[in-house]
């Protein structure tokens, strides 16, 4: 049940944005035990003065293609799973849409089941059978 916020500078094509979002989802499915249909993403495009980042802090050098990926998850993952996600995201994003690994920043935040409502004014994941409902659709 990750919710992904993707932030980058304005000016990329719709195909680039699709490739970016698709690669992120593929990495989550492959490394983070996320079902393929569990996809919630938002893309925020910013003017140059609205996305501020250091070009060399702990990585780099970063270019104007810098992308910040914030992933909010419900169920905690192991350090190994997180490391695998970071590696796979860098690999997939290098392939499509062609991002350099130095230009990819990822932050994972964990939340509790009661912190999520997928609609209907209820916290679905507090129901003990929520996983069955997620696979089978709305019931």
Protein backbone atom coordinates (compact mmCIF):
# COMPACT_ATOMS: atom_id res chain seq x y z
CA UNK A 1 0.00 0.00 0.00
CA UNK A 2 2.70 2.51 -0.76
CA UNK A 3 1.82 6.04 -1.72
CA UNK A 4 4.51 7.53 -3.95
CA UNK A 5 5.17 11.23 -4.44
CA UNK A 6 7.49 12.03 -7.32
CA UNK A 7 8.99 15.51 -7.54
CA UNK A 8 11.01 16.85 -10.47
CA UNK A 9 11.49 19.98 -12.53
CA UNK A 10 8.93 20.89 -15.15
CA UNK A 11 9.50 20.20 -18.80
CA UNK A 12 9.52 16.42 -19.17
CA UNK A 13 7.32 14.75 -21.79
CA UNK A 14 4.27 12.65 -20.92
CA UNK A 15 6.21 9.57 -22.10
CA UNK A 16 9.07 10.40 -19.73
CA UNK A 17 6.66 10.82 -16.80
CA UNK A 18 4.94 7.52 -17.63
CA UNK A 19 8.29 5.71 -17.81
CA UNK A 20 9.32 7.25 -14.49
CA UNK A 21 6.12 6.20 -12.73
CA UNK A 22 6.11 2.73 -14.33
CA UNK A 23 9.72 2.03 -13.34
CA UNK A 24 9.00 3.02 -9.75
CA UNK A 25 5.99 0.70 -9.63
CA UNK A 26 7.96 -2.18 -11.16
CA UNK A 27 10.69 -1.78 -8.52
CA UNK A 28 8.11 -1.78 -5.72
CA UNK A 29 6.48 -4.94 -7.06
CA UNK A 30 9.82 -6.72 -7.54
CA UNK A 31 11.50 -5.85 -4.24
CA UNK A 32 8.92 -4.61 -1.75
CA UNK A 33 6.15 -7.23 -1.78
CA UNK A 34 3.66 -4.84 -3.39
CA UNK A 35 0.80 -6.23 -5.52
CA UNK A 36 0.82 -4.94 -9.10
CA UNK A 37 -2.61 -3.31 -8.74
CA UNK A 38 -1.60 -1.51 -5.53
CA UNK A 39 -0.58 1.68 -7.32
CA UNK A 40 -1.03 5.16 -5.90
CA UNK A 41 1.35 7.81 -7.26
CA UNK A 42 1.37 11.53 -7.75
CA UNK A 43 3.80 13.53 -9.84
CA UNK A 44 4.70 17.06 -8.81
CA UNK A 45 6.49 19.19 -11.40
CA UNK A 46 8.25 22.29 -10.17
CA UNK A 47 9.78 25.45 -11.59
CA UNK A 48 13.55 25.68 -11.16
CA UNK A 49 13.25 27.83 -8.03
CA UNK A 50 10.69 25.45 -6.46
CA UNK A 51 12.84 22.29 -6.31
CA UNK A 52 15.94 23.13 -4.35
CA UNK A 53 18.66 20.53 -3.83
CA UNK A 54 22.37 20.37 -3.15
CA UNK A 55 24.30 19.16 -6.19
CA UNK A 56 26.82 17.09 -4.21
CA UNK A 57 25.50 16.25 -0.70
CA UNK A 58 26.29 12.54 -0.02
CA UNK A 59 26.14 11.75 -3.77
CA UNK A 60 26.38 13.45 -7.09
CA UNK A 61 27.10 15.48 -8.91
CA UNK A 62 23.37 15.95 -9.44
CA UNK A 63 21.98 17.49 -12.60
CA UNK A 64 18.81 19.42 -13.40
CA UNK A 65 17.18 15.99 -13.95
CA UNK A 66 17.16 15.37 -10.17
CA UNK A 67 14.10 13.42 -8.98
CA UNK A 68 12.91 13.16 -5.38
CA UNK A 69 10.83 10.05 -4.63
CA UNK A 70 8.94 9.94 -1.34
CA UNK A 71 7.37 6.58 -0.51
CA UNK A 72 4.94 6.27 2.39
CA UNK A 73 4.38 2.66 3.42
CA UNK A 74 2.14 1.00 5.96
CA UNK A 75 3.95 -2.23 6.76
CA UNK A 76 7.60 -1.83 7.79
CA UNK A 77 10.19 -3.46 5.53
CA UNK A 78 13.59 -4.84 6.46
CA UNK A 79 16.78 -2.90 5.84
CA UNK A 80 17.64 -5.51 3.19
CA UNK A 81 14.35 -4.93 1.36
CA UNK A 82 14.92 -1.18 1.43
CA UNK A 83 18.46 -1.58 0.09
CA UNK A 84 17.14 -3.85 -2.68
CA UNK A 85 14.50 -1.25 -3.57
CA UNK A 86 17.09 1.53 -3.76
CA UNK A 87 19.32 -0.56 -6.05
CA UNK A 88 16.48 -1.74 -8.27
CA UNK A 89 14.99 1.74 -8.58
CA UNK A 90 18.35 3.14 -9.68
CA UNK A 91 18.71 0.32 -12.24
CA UNK A 92 15.19 0.60 -13.68
CA UNK A 93 15.20 4.40 -13.79
CA UNK A 94 18.55 4.32 -15.62
CA UNK A 95 16.95 2.04 -18.22
CA UNK A 96 13.72 4.01 -18.52
CA UNK A 97 13.39 6.99 -18.62
CA UNK A 98 17.21 7.25 -18.59
CA UNK A 99 17.91 8.84 -15.20
CA UNK A 100 21.44 8.80 -13.81
CA UNK A 101 21.59 7.10 -10.38
CA UNK A 102 23.14 10.28 -8.93
CA UNK A 103 19.91 12.12 -9.80
CA UNK A 104 17.61 9.81 -7.80
CA UNK A 105 16.83 10.54 -4.14
CA UNK A 106 14.48 8.19 -2.26
CA UNK A 107 12.94 8.63 1.18
CA UNK A 108 10.76 5.95 2.79
CA UNK A 109 8.34 6.78 5.61
CA UNK A 110 6.35 4.22 7.58
CA UNK A 111 2.84 4.68 8.94
CA UNK A 112 0.32 2.61 10.90
CA UNK A 113 -2.73 0.85 9.39
CA UNK A 114 -5.09 3.33 11.04
CA UNK A 115 -3.31 6.15 9.19
CA UNK A 116 -4.82 5.07 5.84
CA UNK A 117 -8.32 5.48 4.43
CA UNK A 118 -8.76 4.37 0.83
CA UNK A 119 -12.27 5.83 0.72
CA UNK A 120 -15.71 5.43 2.25
CA UNK A 121 -14.57 7.22 5.40
CA UNK A 122 -13.05 4.10 6.96
CA UNK A 123 -9.57 2.79 7.74
CA UNK A 124 -9.75 -0.40 5.65
CA UNK A 125 -6.46 -1.84 6.85
CA UNK A 126 -7.68 -2.05 10.45
CA UNK A 127 -10.04 -4.85 9.36
CA UNK A 128 -8.30 -8.23 9.93
CA UNK A 129 -9.43 -9.43 6.46
CA UNK A 130 -8.30 -6.34 4.54
CA UNK A 131 -5.71 -8.27 2.48
CA UNK A 132 -8.40 -10.60 1.12
CA UNK A 133 -10.54 -7.62 0.18
CA UNK A 134 -7.57 -5.92 -1.51
CA UNK A 135 -6.91 -8.92 -3.74
CA UNK A 136 -10.58 -9.60 -4.48
CA UNK A 137 -11.60 -5.99 -5.02
CA UNK A 138 -14.23 -3.97 -3.18
CA UNK A 139 -16.70 -5.96 -1.07
